[in-house]
Amino acid sequence: MFVCMRGLIVDYYGVLNGTDDEAKRWRELLKAVNENGVATAVLSNDPGGPGADPIREFETSGLVDSVILSGEIGADKPEGRAFEIAAERLGLSPRDCVMVDDSIENIHGAVEKGMVGVFYQQFDRSVVEITGLFGLEGDF
């Protein structure tokens, strides 16, 4: 299977922290993406500290390869540096990555850095784009 995009970066607040059903579906999707050799990360404007433990759990549980918190890297989305750091943590160029975010400003920032942007409003809509970009099949 040929996959042109090699990295999936997802926002936490407003995307991954939705309903229990959405959280379950996101976990299934992230697992499938990882199993297809795609590097994954969470990029959040969270300040860090102990309050960020639910976000860090995505990395410690193995659901994503890296969790990047703006408060720990000194760059907030939509600043270009935040997207560059996220791609670097995955060992990729921004142009090899897809950014999923519920903020259109953050999507614009990611696209300006060369990423493909998926504006998140609803899981069912976004999963169609994500599975298409990564050549995934299945129900999530």
C-alpha atoms as a PDB file:
ATOM      1  CA  MET A   1       0.000   0.000   0.000  1.00  0.00           C
ATOM      2  CA  PHE A   2       1.354   3.429  -0.928  1.00  0.00           C
ATOM      3  CA  VAL A   3       0.862   6.186   1.606  1.00  0.00           C
ATOM      4  CA  CYS A   4       2.106   9.630   0.711  1.00  0.00           C
ATOM      5  CA  MET A   5       1.510  11.208   4.106  1.00  0.00           C
ATOM      6  CA  ARG A   6       3.775   9.847   6.816  1.00  0.00           C
ATOM      7  CA  GLY A   7       2.753  11.753   9.942  1.00  0.00           C
ATOM      8  CA  LEU A   8      -0.523  12.461  11.721  1.00  0.00           C
ATOM      9  CA  ILE A   9      -0.562  15.240  14.321  1.00  0.00           C
ATOM     10  CA  VAL A  10      -3.757  15.794  16.296  1.00  0.00           C
ATOM     11  CA  ASP A  11      -4.859  18.546  18.674  1.00  0.00           C
ATOM     12  CA  TYR A  12      -6.123  17.480  22.094  1.00  0.00           C
ATOM     13  CA  TYR A  13      -8.674  20.065  23.294  1.00  0.00           C
ATOM     14  CA  GLY A  14     -11.697  20.098  21.037  1.00  0.00           C
ATOM     15  CA  VAL A  15     -10.591  17.000  19.127  1.00  0.00           C
ATOM     16  CA  LEU A  16      -9.322  14.094  21.247  1.00  0.00           C
ATOM     17  CA  ASN A  17     -11.136  15.050  24.455  1.00  0.00           C
ATOM     18  CA  GLY A  18     -14.681  14.632  23.092  1.00  0.00           C
ATOM     19  CA  THR A  19     -17.365  12.172  24.102  1.00  0.00           C
ATOM     20  CA  ASP A  20     -16.521   8.662  25.279  1.00  0.00           C
ATOM     21  CA  ASP A  21     -17.668   7.289  21.912  1.00  0.00           C
ATOM     22  CA  GLU A  22     -15.459   9.729  19.982  1.00  0.00           C
ATOM     23  CA  ALA A  23     -12.497   9.000  22.269  1.00  0.00           C
ATOM     24  CA  LYS A  24     -12.897   5.270  21.587  1.00  0.00           C
ATOM     25  CA  ARG A  25     -13.108   5.865  17.850  1.00  0.00           C
ATOM     26  CA  TRP A  26     -10.033   8.132  17.911  1.00  0.00           C
ATOM     27  CA  ARG A  27      -8.073   5.442  19.749  1.00  0.00           C
ATOM     28  CA  GLU A  28      -9.054   2.868  17.111  1.00  0.00           C
ATOM     29  CA  LEU A  29      -8.071   5.247  14.335  1.00  0.00           C
ATOM     30  CA  LEU A  30      -4.721   6.121  15.930  1.00  0.00           C
ATOM     31  CA  LYS A  31      -3.964   2.431  16.408  1.00  0.00           C
ATOM     32  CA  ALA A  32      -4.757   1.694  12.744  1.00  0.00           C
ATOM     33  CA  VAL A  33      -2.620   4.609  11.573  1.00  0.00           C
ATOM     34  CA  ASN A  34       0.304   3.409  13.702  1.00  0.00           C
ATOM     35  CA  GLU A  35      -0.072  -0.148  12.418  1.00  0.00           C
ATOM     36  CA  ASN A  36       0.301   1.242   8.889  1.00  0.00           C
ATOM     37  CA  GLY A  37       3.682   2.774   9.702  1.00  0.00           C
ATOM     38  CA  VAL A  38       2.501   6.351  10.146  1.00  0.00           C
ATOM     39  CA  ALA A  39       4.156   8.408  12.885  1.00  0.00           C
ATOM     40  CA  THR A  40       1.676  10.059  15.251  1.00  0.00           C
ATOM     41  CA  ALA A  41       1.690  12.926  17.728  1.00  0.00           C
ATOM     42  CA  VAL A  42      -0.544  15.102  19.838  1.00  0.00           C
ATOM     43  CA  LEU A  43       0.202  18.825  19.598  1.00  0.00           C
ATOM     44  CA  SER A  44      -1.588  20.884  22.224  1.00  0.00           C
ATOM     45  CA  ASN A  45      -1.390  24.479  23.414  1.00  0.00           C
ATOM     46  CA  ASP A  46      -1.513  23.099  26.960  1.00  0.00           C
ATOM     47  CA  PRO A  47       0.898  24.809  29.386  1.00  0.00           C
ATOM     48  CA  GLY A  48       2.211  21.483  30.683  1.00  0.00           C
ATOM     49  CA  GLY A  49       2.654  20.490  34.300  1.00  0.00           C
ATOM     50  CA  PRO A  50       0.654  17.846  36.185  1.00  0.00           C
ATOM     51  CA  GLY A  51      -2.626  18.964  34.592  1.00  0.00           C
ATOM     52  CA  ALA A  52      -1.369  17.652  31.262  1.00  0.00           C
ATOM     53  CA  ASP A  53      -1.174  14.028  32.423  1.00  0.00           C
ATOM     54  CA  PRO A  54      -4.334  13.010  30.483  1.00  0.00           C
ATOM     55  CA  ILE A  55      -2.654  14.289  27.313  1.00  0.00           C
ATOM     56  CA  ARG A  56       0.682  12.609  28.091  1.00  0.00           C
ATOM     57  CA  GLU A  57      -1.220   9.334  28.535  1.00  0.00           C
ATOM     58  CA  PHE A  58      -1.548   9.155  24.749  1.00  0.00           C
ATOM     59  CA  GLU A  59       2.230   8.737  24.538  1.00  0.00           C
ATOM     60  CA  THR A  60       2.805   6.623  27.643  1.00  0.00           C
ATOM     61  CA  SER A  61       0.094   4.178  26.539  1.00  0.00           C
ATOM     62  CA  GLY A  62       1.650   3.899  23.084  1.00  0.00           C
ATOM     63  CA  LEU A  63      -1.275   5.431  21.182  1.00  0.00           C
ATOM     64  CA  VAL A  64       1.002   8.127  19.740  1.00  0.00           C
ATOM     65  CA  ASP A  65       4.738   8.425  19.296  1.00  0.00           C
ATOM     66  CA  SER A  66       5.021  11.867  20.865  1.00  0.00           C
ATOM     67  CA  VAL A  67       3.075  14.442  22.871  1.00  0.00           C
ATOM     68  CA  ILE A  68       4.145  18.038  22.301  1.00  0.00           C
ATOM     69  CA  LEU A  69       2.870  20.703  24.698  1.00  0.00           C
ATOM     70  CA  SER A  70       3.266  24.350  23.777  1.00  0.00           C
ATOM     71  CA  GLY A  71       4.088  25.321  27.344  1.00  0.00           C
ATOM     72  CA  GLU A  72       7.071  22.968  27.252  1.00  0.00           C
ATOM     73  CA  ILE A  73       8.401  23.963  23.824  1.00  0.00           C
ATOM     74  CA  GLY A  74       7.861  27.713  24.077  1.00  0.00           C
ATOM     75  CA  ALA A  75       5.727  27.996  20.938  1.00  0.00           C
ATOM     76  CA  ASP A  76       1.935  28.110  20.665  1.00  0.00           C
ATOM     77  CA  LYS A  77      -0.148  27.137  17.672  1.00  0.00           C
ATOM     78  CA  PRO A  78      -0.673  28.811  15.223  1.00  0.00           C
ATOM     79  CA  GLU A  79       3.024  29.843  15.386  1.00  0.00           C
ATOM     80  CA  GLY A  80       4.941  28.017  12.688  1.00  0.00           C
ATOM     81  CA  ARG A  81       7.610  26.861  15.126  1.00  0.00           C
ATOM     82  CA  ALA A  82       5.084  24.682  16.994  1.00  0.00           C
ATOM     83  CA  PHE A  83       4.320  22.730  13.815  1.00  0.00           C
ATOM     84  CA  GLU A  84       7.993  22.461  12.888  1.00  0.00           C
ATOM     85  CA  ILE A  85       8.829  21.017  16.319  1.00  0.00           C
ATOM     86  CA  ALA A  86       5.973  18.509  16.085  1.00  0.00           C
ATOM     87  CA  ALA A  87       7.199  17.283  12.692  1.00  0.00           C
ATOM     88  CA  GLU A  88      10.808  17.149  13.950  1.00  0.00           C
ATOM     89  CA  ARG A  89       9.739  15.010  16.922  1.00  0.00           C
ATOM     90  CA  LEU A  90       8.351  12.531  14.406  1.00  0.00           C
ATOM     91  CA  GLY A  91      11.518  12.654  12.330  1.00  0.00           C
ATOM     92  CA  LEU A  92       9.596  14.155   9.425  1.00  0.00           C
ATOM     93  CA  SER A  93       9.308  17.279   7.359  1.00  0.00           C
ATOM     94  CA  PRO A  94       6.111  19.314   7.866  1.00  0.00           C
ATOM     95  CA  ARG A  95       5.154  18.559   4.238  1.00  0.00           C
ATOM     96  CA  ASP A  96       4.898  14.853   5.182  1.00  0.00           C
ATOM     97  CA  CYS A  97       2.389  15.554   7.967  1.00  0.00           C
ATOM     98  CA  VAL A  98      -1.338  16.051   8.407  1.00  0.00           C
ATOM     99  CA  MET A  99      -2.539  18.365  11.209  1.00  0.00           C
ATOM    100  CA  VAL A 100      -6.030  17.855  12.659  1.00  0.00           C
ATOM    101  CA  ASP A 101      -7.333  20.771  14.726  1.00  0.00           C
ATOM    102  CA  ASP A 102     -10.651  22.379  15.631  1.00  0.00           C
ATOM    103  CA  SER A 103      -9.203  25.893  15.237  1.00  0.00           C
ATOM    104  CA  ILE A 104      -9.171  27.240  11.696  1.00  0.00           C
ATOM    105  CA  GLU A 105      -6.341  29.605  12.706  1.00  0.00           C
ATOM    106  CA  ASN A 106      -4.231  26.616  13.714  1.00  0.00           C
ATOM    107  CA  ILE A 107      -5.049  24.863  10.436  1.00  0.00           C
ATOM    108  CA  HIS A 108      -3.921  27.967   8.534  1.00  0.00           C
ATOM    109  CA  GLY A 109      -0.670  27.994  10.534  1.00  0.00           C
ATOM    110  CA  ALA A 110      -0.030  24.327   9.782  1.00  0.00           C
ATOM    111  CA  VAL A 111      -0.759  24.759   6.080  1.00  0.00           C
ATOM    112  CA  GLU A 112       1.587  27.761   5.917  1.00  0.00           C
ATOM    113  CA  LYS A 113       4.333  25.426   7.161  1.00  0.00           C
ATOM    114  CA  GLY A 114       3.530  22.895   4.429  1.00  0.00           C
ATOM    115  CA  MET A 115       1.278  20.476   6.305  1.00  0.00           C
ATOM    116  CA  VAL A 116      -2.066  19.209   5.081  1.00  0.00           C
ATOM    117  CA  GLY A 117      -4.756  20.611   7.354  1.00  0.00           C
ATOM    118  CA  VAL A 118      -7.926  18.822   8.420  1.00  0.00           C
ATOM    119  CA  PHE A 119     -10.369  21.189  10.102  1.00  0.00           C
ATOM    120  CA  TYR A 120     -12.061  19.133  12.810  1.00  0.00           C
ATOM    121  CA  GLN A 121     -15.733  19.748  13.466  1.00  0.00           C
ATOM    122  CA  GLN A 122     -17.100  16.229  13.762  1.00  0.00           C
ATOM    123  CA  PHE A 123     -15.419  12.826  13.892  1.00  0.00           C
ATOM    124  CA  ASP A 124     -17.494  11.294  11.084  1.00  0.00           C
ATOM    125  CA  ARG A 125     -16.503  14.072   8.688  1.00  0.00           C
ATOM    126  CA  SER A 126     -12.832  14.153   9.597  1.00  0.00           C
ATOM    127  CA  VAL A 127     -12.343  10.381   9.522  1.00  0.00           C
ATOM    128  CA  VAL A 128     -13.243  10.380   5.817  1.00  0.00           C
ATOM    129  CA  GLU A 129     -10.424  12.826   5.086  1.00  0.00           C
ATOM    130  CA  ILE A 130      -7.924  11.131   7.378  1.00  0.00           C
ATOM    131  CA  THR A 131      -8.525   7.624   6.051  1.00  0.00           C
ATOM    132  CA  GLY A 132      -8.240   8.930   2.499  1.00  0.00           C
ATOM    133  CA  LEU A 133      -4.964  10.741   3.178  1.00  0.00           C
ATOM    134  CA  PHE A 134      -3.408   7.644   4.731  1.00  0.00           C
ATOM    135  CA  GLY A 135      -4.982   4.981   2.525  1.00  0.00           C
ATOM    136  CA  LEU A 136      -6.779   3.319   5.440  1.00  0.00           C
ATOM    137  CA  GLU A 137      -9.812   1.092   5.158  1.00  0.00           C
ATOM    138  CA  GLY A 138     -12.244   0.103   7.830  1.00  0.00           C
ATOM    139  CA  ASP A 139     -14.857   1.532  10.123  1.00  0.00           C
ATOM    140  CA  PHE A 140     -13.753   3.815  12.921  1.00  0.00           C
END
